[in-house]
C-alpha atoms as a PDB file:
ATOM      1  CA  MET A   1     -55.092   4.694  48.086  1.00  0.00           C
ATOM      2  CA  SER A   2     -54.864   8.456  48.378  1.00  0.00           C
ATOM      3  CA  VAL A   3     -51.633  10.006  49.614  1.00  0.00           C
ATOM      4  CA  THR A   4     -51.810  13.255  51.532  1.00  0.00           C
ATOM      5  CA  ALA A   5     -48.888  15.561  50.872  1.00  0.00           C
ATOM      6  CA  GLN A   6     -47.138  16.756  54.006  1.00  0.00           C
ATOM      7  CA  PRO A   7     -44.740  19.673  54.423  1.00  0.00           C
ATOM      8  CA  PHE A   8     -41.070  18.738  54.221  1.00  0.00           C
ATOM      9  CA  ARG A   9     -39.004  19.208  57.347  1.00  0.00           C
ATOM     10  CA  ALA A  10     -35.286  18.603  57.229  1.00  0.00           C
ATOM     11  CA  ALA A  11     -33.951  16.530  60.097  1.00  0.00           C
ATOM     12  CA  PRO A  12     -31.818  18.647  62.463  1.00  0.00           C
ATOM     13  CA  PHE A  13     -28.109  17.955  62.610  1.00  0.00           C
ATOM     14  CA  ARG A  14     -27.205  15.470  65.354  1.00  0.00           C
ATOM     15  CA  PRO A  15     -23.540  15.230  66.377  1.00  0.00           C
ATOM     16  CA  LEU A  16     -22.218  11.717  65.948  1.00  0.00           C
ATOM     17  CA  SER A  17     -21.118   9.890  69.077  1.00  0.00           C
ATOM     18  CA  HIS A  18     -17.605   9.344  67.743  1.00  0.00           C
ATOM     19  CA  VAL A  19     -16.925  13.096  67.795  1.00  0.00           C
ATOM     20  CA  MET A  20     -18.217  13.489  71.354  1.00  0.00           C
ATOM     21  CA  ASP A  21     -16.139  13.301  74.541  1.00  0.00           C
ATOM     22  CA  ARG A  22     -16.679  10.422  76.949  1.00  0.00           C
ATOM     23  CA  PHE A  23     -16.242  10.788  80.700  1.00  0.00           C
ATOM     24  CA  SER A  24     -16.318   8.150  83.430  1.00  0.00           C
ATOM     25  CA  VAL A  25     -17.892   9.529  86.600  1.00  0.00           C
ATOM     26  CA  ASP A  26     -17.828   7.843  90.009  1.00  0.00           C
ATOM     27  CA  LEU A  27     -21.071   8.181  91.980  1.00  0.00           C
ATOM     28  CA  PRO A  28     -22.492   6.869  95.231  1.00  0.00           C
ATOM     29  CA  ALA A  29     -24.956   4.154  94.243  1.00  0.00           C
ATOM     30  CA  PRO A  30     -27.974   6.037  95.712  1.00  0.00           C
ATOM     31  CA  LEU A  31     -27.099   9.089  93.598  1.00  0.00           C
ATOM     32  CA  ARG A  32     -26.893   6.892  90.479  1.00  0.00           C
ATOM     33  CA  ASP A  33     -30.312   5.452  91.347  1.00  0.00           C
ATOM     34  CA  ALA A  34     -31.807   8.933  91.788  1.00  0.00           C
ATOM     35  CA  LEU A  35     -30.338   9.965  88.422  1.00  0.00           C
ATOM     36  CA  ASP A  36     -31.857   6.914  86.770  1.00  0.00           C
ATOM     37  CA  ALA A  37     -35.233   7.724  88.329  1.00  0.00           C
ATOM     38  CA  ILE A  38     -35.183  11.111  86.555  1.00  0.00           C
ATOM     39  CA  VAL A  39     -34.299   9.398  83.283  1.00  0.00           C
ATOM     40  CA  ALA A  40     -37.076   6.819  83.725  1.00  0.00           C
ATOM     41  CA  ALA A  41     -39.699   9.506  84.377  1.00  0.00           C
ATOM     42  CA  HIS A  42     -38.737  11.415  81.227  1.00  0.00           C
ATOM     43  CA  ARG A  43     -38.673   8.228  79.148  1.00  0.00           C
ATOM     44  CA  LYS A  44     -42.156   7.342  80.359  1.00  0.00           C
ATOM     45  CA  ALA A  45     -43.445  10.790  79.371  1.00  0.00           C
ATOM     46  CA  ALA A  46     -41.784  10.576  75.952  1.00  0.00           C
ATOM     47  CA  ALA A  47     -43.201   7.097  75.350  1.00  0.00           C
ATOM     48  CA  ALA A  48     -46.697   8.307  76.220  1.00  0.00           C
ATOM     49  CA  GLU A  49     -46.332  11.190  73.769  1.00  0.00           C
ATOM     50  CA  ARG A  50     -45.205   8.863  71.016  1.00  0.00           C
ATOM     51  CA  ALA A  51     -48.078   6.465  71.673  1.00  0.00           C
ATOM     52  CA  SER A  52     -50.759   9.131  71.758  1.00  0.00           C
ATOM     53  CA  GLU A  53     -49.660  11.190  68.772  1.00  0.00           C
ATOM     54  CA  ALA A  54     -47.644   9.075  66.404  1.00  0.00           C
ATOM     55  CA  PHE A  55     -47.880   5.345  66.770  1.00  0.00           C
ATOM     56  CA  GLY A  56     -51.578   4.603  66.570  1.00  0.00           C
ATOM     57  CA  ASP A  57     -52.868   1.926  64.268  1.00  0.00           C
ATOM     58  CA  PRO A  58     -54.062   3.495  60.974  1.00  0.00           C
ATOM     59  CA  ALA A  59     -56.911   0.990  60.899  1.00  0.00           C
ATOM     60  CA  ALA A  60     -58.250   2.468  64.125  1.00  0.00           C
ATOM     61  CA  ALA A  61     -58.715   5.833  62.426  1.00  0.00           C
ATOM     62  CA  PRO A  62     -60.446   5.362  59.055  1.00  0.00           C
ATOM     63  CA  GLY A  63     -59.119   7.666  56.388  1.00  0.00           C
ATOM     64  CA  THR A  64     -55.646   7.933  57.924  1.00  0.00           C
ATOM     65  CA  ASP A  65     -53.147   6.491  55.478  1.00  0.00           C
ATOM     66  CA  THR A  66     -49.757   5.012  56.329  1.00  0.00           C
ATOM     67  CA  THR A  67     -47.889   7.986  54.874  1.00  0.00           C
ATOM     68  CA  THR A  68     -49.642  10.348  57.273  1.00  0.00           C
ATOM     69  CA  VAL A  69     -48.888   8.070  60.217  1.00  0.00           C
ATOM     70  CA  ALA A  70     -45.206   7.910  59.203  1.00  0.00           C
ATOM     71  CA  TRP A  71     -45.080  11.690  58.986  1.00  0.00           C
ATOM     72  CA  ARG A  72     -46.676  12.008  62.429  1.00  0.00           C
ATOM     73  CA  ARG A  73     -44.090   9.637  63.839  1.00  0.00           C
ATOM     74  CA  ARG A  74     -41.280  11.681  62.327  1.00  0.00           C
ATOM     75  CA  THR A  75     -42.784  14.903  63.631  1.00  0.00           C
ATOM     76  CA  VAL A  76     -42.929  13.584  67.180  1.00  0.00           C
ATOM     77  CA  HIS A  77     -39.432  12.111  66.858  1.00  0.00           C
ATOM     78  CA  ASP A  78     -38.041  15.486  65.771  1.00  0.00           C
ATOM     79  CA  ARG A  79     -39.934  17.357  68.481  1.00  0.00           C
ATOM     80  CA  LEU A  80     -38.574  15.052  71.168  1.00  0.00           C
ATOM     81  CA  ALA A  81     -35.063  15.375  69.734  1.00  0.00           C
ATOM     82  CA  ASP A  82     -35.331  19.166  69.828  1.00  0.00           C
ATOM     83  CA  ARG A  83     -36.528  19.067  73.437  1.00  0.00           C
ATOM     84  CA  ARG A  84     -33.636  16.794  74.304  1.00  0.00           C
ATOM     85  CA  LEU A  85     -31.152  19.262  72.833  1.00  0.00           C
ATOM     86  CA  THR A  86     -32.647  22.179  74.787  1.00  0.00           C
ATOM     87  CA  GLY A  87     -32.753  20.286  78.080  1.00  0.00           C
ATOM     88  CA  ALA A  88     -36.542  19.969  78.240  1.00  0.00           C
ATOM     89  CA  LEU A  89     -36.400  16.193  77.730  1.00  0.00           C
ATOM     90  CA  LEU A  90     -33.892  14.354  79.919  1.00  0.00           C
ATOM     91  CA  ASP A  91     -34.403  10.744  78.920  1.00  0.00           C
ATOM     92  CA  THR A  92     -30.741   9.672  79.111  1.00  0.00           C
ATOM     93  CA  ARG A  93     -28.051  10.095  81.733  1.00  0.00           C
ATOM     94  CA  THR A  94     -26.071  12.204  79.293  1.00  0.00           C
ATOM     95  CA  ALA A  95     -29.054  14.502  78.723  1.00  0.00           C
ATOM     96  CA  VAL A  96     -29.487  15.066  82.469  1.00  0.00           C
ATOM     97  CA  VAL A  97     -25.796  15.736  83.055  1.00  0.00           C
ATOM     98  CA  THR A  98     -25.498  18.007  80.008  1.00  0.00           C
ATOM     99  CA  ALA A  99     -28.482  20.192  80.925  1.00  0.00           C
ATOM    100  CA  HIS A 100     -27.494  20.584  84.557  1.00  0.00           C
ATOM    101  CA  LEU A 101     -23.823  21.058  83.732  1.00  0.00           C
ATOM    102  CA  ARG A 102     -24.718  24.071  81.627  1.00  0.00           C
ATOM    103  CA  ALA A 103     -26.878  25.475  84.412  1.00  0.00           C
ATOM    104  CA  LEU A 104     -24.253  24.779  87.086  1.00  0.00           C
ATOM    105  CA  LEU A 105     -21.442  26.358  85.088  1.00  0.00           C
ATOM    106  CA  GLY A 106     -23.563  29.455  84.621  1.00  0.00           C
ATOM    107  CA  GLU A 107     -24.468  29.679  88.307  1.00  0.00           C
ATOM    108  CA  ARG A 108     -20.834  29.420  89.356  1.00  0.00           C
ATOM    109  CA  GLY A 109     -19.601  31.857  86.725  1.00  0.00           C
ATOM    110  CA  TRP A 110     -17.577  29.111  85.071  1.00  0.00           C
ATOM    111  CA  ASN A 111     -19.307  29.210  81.685  1.00  0.00           C
ATOM    112  CA  THR A 112     -16.775  31.641  80.306  1.00  0.00           C
ATOM    113  CA  ASP A 113     -13.985  31.847  77.759  1.00  0.00           C
ATOM    114  CA  TRP A 114     -11.215  30.299  79.825  1.00  0.00           C
ATOM    115  CA  PRO A 115      -7.665  30.855  78.573  1.00  0.00           C
ATOM    116  CA  PRO A 116      -5.953  27.786  77.179  1.00  0.00           C
ATOM    117  CA  ALA A 117      -4.231  25.638  79.766  1.00  0.00           C
ATOM    118  CA  PRO A 118      -0.426  26.001  79.657  1.00  0.00           C
ATOM    119  CA  VAL A 119       0.001  22.225  79.732  1.00  0.00           C
ATOM    120  CA  ARG A 120      -1.968  19.244  78.488  1.00  0.00           C
ATOM    121  CA  LEU A 121      -4.963  18.882  80.773  1.00  0.00           C
ATOM    122  CA  PRO A 122      -4.438  15.930  83.135  1.00  0.00           C
ATOM    123  CA  GLY A 123      -7.118  13.457  83.990  1.00  0.00           C
ATOM    124  CA  ARG A 124      -6.328  13.904  87.670  1.00  0.00           C
ATOM    125  CA  GLN A 125      -5.313  17.137  89.348  1.00  0.00           C
ATOM    126  CA  VAL A 126      -2.281  17.494  91.609  1.00  0.00           C
ATOM    127  CA  GLY A 127      -3.336  16.758  95.180  1.00  0.00           C
ATOM    128  CA  VAL A 128      -6.023  14.246  94.208  1.00  0.00           C
ATOM    129  CA  SER A 129      -5.029  10.722  95.099  1.00  0.00           C
ATOM    130  CA  PRO A 130      -5.955   7.947  92.633  1.00  0.00           C
ATOM    131  CA  ARG A 131      -6.591   5.722  95.665  1.00  0.00           C
ATOM    132  CA  GLU A 132      -9.281   7.965  97.114  1.00  0.00           C
ATOM    133  CA  HIS A 133     -12.850   8.469  96.012  1.00  0.00           C
ATOM    134  CA  ARG A 134     -14.205  12.009  96.153  1.00  0.00           C
ATOM    135  CA  THR A 135     -17.837  10.895  96.166  1.00  0.00           C
ATOM    136  CA  GLY A 136     -18.366  10.953  99.932  1.00  0.00           C
ATOM    137  CA  ALA A 137     -19.370   7.284  99.856  1.00  0.00           C
ATOM    138  CA  PRO A 138     -17.553   4.131 100.973  1.00  0.00           C
ATOM    139  CA  ARG A 139     -15.611   2.531  98.139  1.00  0.00           C
ATOM    140  CA  GLU A 140     -17.908  -0.494  98.048  1.00  0.00           C
ATOM    141  CA  ASP A 141     -20.918   1.810  97.435  1.00  0.00           C
ATOM    142  CA  VAL A 142     -19.339   3.644  94.493  1.00  0.00           C
ATOM    143  CA  VAL A 143     -20.443   2.938  90.923  1.00  0.00           C
ATOM    144  CA  THR A 144     -19.134   4.357  87.641  1.00  0.00           C
ATOM    145  CA  ILE A 145     -21.288   5.763  84.863  1.00  0.00           C
ATOM    146  CA  THR A 146     -20.332   7.061  81.425  1.00  0.00           C
ATOM    147  CA  VAL A 147     -21.579  10.343  80.006  1.00  0.00           C
ATOM    148  CA  VAL A 148     -20.929  11.715  76.523  1.00  0.00           C
ATOM    149  CA  LEU A 149     -20.530  15.477  76.178  1.00  0.00           C
ATOM    150  CA  ASP A 150     -20.399  17.888  73.303  1.00  0.00           C
ATOM    151  CA  PRO A 151     -16.705  18.761  72.751  1.00  0.00           C
ATOM    152  CA  ALA A 152     -17.216  22.465  73.508  1.00  0.00           C
ATOM    153  CA  LEU A 153     -18.968  21.725  76.809  1.00  0.00           C
ATOM    154  CA  ALA A 154     -16.369  19.079  77.677  1.00  0.00           C
ATOM    155  CA  GLN A 155     -13.566  21.581  77.106  1.00  0.00           C
ATOM    156  CA  THR A 156     -15.294  24.174  79.285  1.00  0.00           C
ATOM    157  CA  VAL A 157     -15.582  21.625  82.094  1.00  0.00           C
ATOM    158  CA  ARG A 158     -11.915  20.662  81.786  1.00  0.00           C
ATOM    159  CA  LEU A 159     -10.707  24.256  81.710  1.00  0.00           C
ATOM    160  CA  ALA A 160     -12.950  25.252  84.618  1.00  0.00           C
ATOM    161  CA  ALA A 161     -11.505  22.415  86.707  1.00  0.00           C
ATOM    162  CA  TYR A 162      -7.980  23.417  85.713  1.00  0.00           C
ATOM    163  CA  TRP A 163      -8.189  27.149  86.380  1.00  0.00           C
ATOM    164  CA  VAL A 164     -10.374  26.973  89.488  1.00  0.00           C
ATOM    165  CA  SER A 165      -7.873  24.515  90.969  1.00  0.00           C
ATOM    166  CA  GLU A 166      -4.747  26.283  89.724  1.00  0.00           C
ATOM    167  CA  PRO A 167      -4.019  28.426  92.847  1.00  0.00           C
ATOM    168  CA  ALA A 168      -4.359  25.431  95.177  1.00  0.00           C
ATOM    169  CA  VAL A 169      -2.362  23.200  92.831  1.00  0.00           C
ATOM    170  CA  ARG A 170       0.527  25.680  92.757  1.00  0.00           C
ATOM    171  CA  ARG A 171       0.570  25.844  96.556  1.00  0.00           C
ATOM    172  CA  LEU A 172       0.420  22.052  96.792  1.00  0.00           C
ATOM    173  CA  GLU A 173       3.436  21.850  94.508  1.00  0.00           C
ATOM    174  CA  THR A 174       5.255  24.290  96.777  1.00  0.00           C
ATOM    175  CA  TRP A 175       4.253  22.161  99.770  1.00  0.00           C
ATOM    176  CA  ALA A 176       5.609  19.037  98.062  1.00  0.00           C
ATOM    177  CA  ARG A 177       8.938  20.702  97.323  1.00  0.00           C
ATOM    178  CA  ARG A 178       9.267  21.561 101.003  1.00  0.00           C
ATOM    179  CA  TYR A 179       7.843  18.451 102.675  1.00  0.00           C
ATOM    180  CA  GLY A 180       7.569  15.735 100.031  1.00  0.00           C
ATOM    181  CA  HIS A 181       4.463  14.119  98.654  1.00  0.00           C
ATOM    182  CA  GLY A 182       2.210  13.850 101.669  1.00  0.00           C
ATOM    183  CA  PRO A 183       2.313  11.950 104.949  1.00  0.00           C
ATOM    184  CA  ALA A 184       3.585   8.779 103.263  1.00  0.00           C
ATOM    185  CA  SER A 185       6.836  10.575 102.491  1.00  0.00           C
ATOM    186  CA  ARG A 186       7.623  10.486 106.217  1.00  0.00           C
ATOM    187  CA  ARG A 187       8.645   6.876 105.675  1.00  0.00           C
ATOM    188  CA  ARG A 188      11.058   7.750 102.885  1.00  0.00           C
ATOM    189  CA  ARG A 189      12.787  10.908 104.029  1.00  0.00           C
ATOM    190  CA  ASP A 190      14.893  12.993 101.680  1.00  0.00           C
ATOM    191  CA  PRO A 191      17.627  14.822 103.603  1.00  0.00           C
ATOM    192  CA  GLY A 192      16.642  18.031 101.836  1.00  0.00           C
ATOM    193  CA  LEU A 193      12.993  17.879 102.934  1.00  0.00           C
ATOM    194  CA  GLU A 194      11.489  19.240 106.110  1.00  0.00           C
ATOM    195  CA  TRP A 195       9.351  17.104 108.410  1.00  0.00           C
ATOM    196  CA  PRO A 196       5.693  18.233 108.109  1.00  0.00           C
ATOM    197  CA  ASP A 197       4.130  19.033 111.465  1.00  0.00           C
ATOM    198  CA  GLU A 198       0.405  18.808 112.164  1.00  0.00           C
ATOM    199  CA  GLN A 199      -0.162  22.393 111.086  1.00  0.00           C
ATOM    200  CA  ALA A 200       1.543  21.759 107.739  1.00  0.00           C
ATOM    201  CA  LEU A 201      -0.483  18.584 107.203  1.00  0.00           C
ATOM    202  CA  ALA A 202      -3.701  20.433 108.004  1.00  0.00           C
ATOM    203  CA  ALA A 203      -2.777  23.137 105.494  1.00  0.00           C
ATOM    204  CA  ARG A 204      -2.214  20.456 102.870  1.00  0.00           C
ATOM    205  CA  GLU A 205      -5.664  18.991 103.497  1.00  0.00           C
ATOM    206  CA  ARG A 206      -7.269  22.426 103.141  1.00  0.00           C
ATOM    207  CA  LEU A 207      -5.522  22.910  99.815  1.00  0.00           C
ATOM    208  CA  ARG A 208      -6.558  19.459  98.625  1.00  0.00           C
ATOM    209  CA  GLY A 209     -10.142  20.453  99.387  1.00  0.00           C
ATOM    210  CA  CYS A 210      -9.801  23.397  96.989  1.00  0.00           C
ATOM    211  CA  VAL A 211      -8.838  21.191  94.052  1.00  0.00           C
ATOM    212  CA  VAL A 212     -11.775  20.667  91.677  1.00  0.00           C
ATOM    213  CA  THR A 213     -11.860  17.781  89.207  1.00  0.00           C
ATOM    214  CA  THR A 214     -14.108  17.206  86.222  1.00  0.00           C
ATOM    215  CA  GLY A 215     -15.748  14.430  88.226  1.00  0.00           C
ATOM    216  CA  ASP A 216     -16.488  16.871  91.062  1.00  0.00           C
ATOM    217  CA  ILE A 217     -18.229  19.204  88.616  1.00  0.00           C
ATOM    218  CA  MET A 218     -20.314  16.421  87.088  1.00  0.00           C
ATOM    219  CA  ARG A 219     -21.311  15.037  90.484  1.00  0.00           C
ATOM    220  CA  ALA A 220     -22.403  18.546  91.494  1.00  0.00           C
ATOM    221  CA  ALA A 221     -24.501  18.778  88.321  1.00  0.00           C
ATOM    222  CA  ILE A 222     -26.155  15.428  89.065  1.00  0.00           C
ATOM    223  CA  ARG A 223     -26.852  16.433  92.672  1.00  0.00           C
ATOM    224  CA  ARG A 224     -28.374  19.647  91.327  1.00  0.00           C
ATOM    225  CA  ALA A 225     -30.683  17.591  89.079  1.00  0.00           C
ATOM    226  CA  VAL A 226     -31.700  15.269  91.904  1.00  0.00           C
ATOM    227  CA  ALA A 227     -32.406  18.255  94.161  1.00  0.00           C
ATOM    228  CA  GLY A 228     -34.895  19.556  91.615  1.00  0.00           C
ATOM    229  CA  GLY A 229     -32.838  22.331  90.035  1.00  0.00           C
ATOM    230  CA  THR A 230     -34.064  23.860  86.798  1.00  0.00           C
ATOM    231  CA  ALA A 231     -32.234  22.577  83.737  1.00  0.00           C
ATOM    232  CA  SER A 232     -30.800  25.013  81.233  1.00  0.00           C
END
């Protein structure tokens, strides 16, 4: 059997999953389904490319030896991996979120060198209740997905959420010192606290609306993908 020499191509470096950052993101179920439809379409295209260019039966093409077929398979594998890294192939949820996160951060001017946060970044910003979903969907229609981000991108997302929210968070802290922690504090009055009137409560809600979480940013990226935005 003759063996055809093929040019050597080193496999590109792929970050290992254990050095990546994992995020849990709450989504309305229809948005999750739309995200998965994008993933399915890209997987179908990738599978067709593999089948047509790399995974044919050598017996079907006389003169094509197994070494050549293996090299073709590796070539297609590497090409698909490169396209995945650049955002051209979005065949996983993480790939979709990553590509559109980069584009979204750029559009909003958030893809910048943020200063370090003065405190350890919290998982939940001040003013965001753990009992409330920010997805715009009823609780029973909310599902949770996991995405895995490159550490540098993950840090940019965290710092963007922190600094964009910082003015509103400071004012919410001032509000809490004056009125207590929200309407529920009316039932447990501290003699040193004022009673929040409707205007004060409305101001608090406006400030809460200015708080941005990492989940908010990722949901916006997914909505951008579903709306047909161009990936970075």
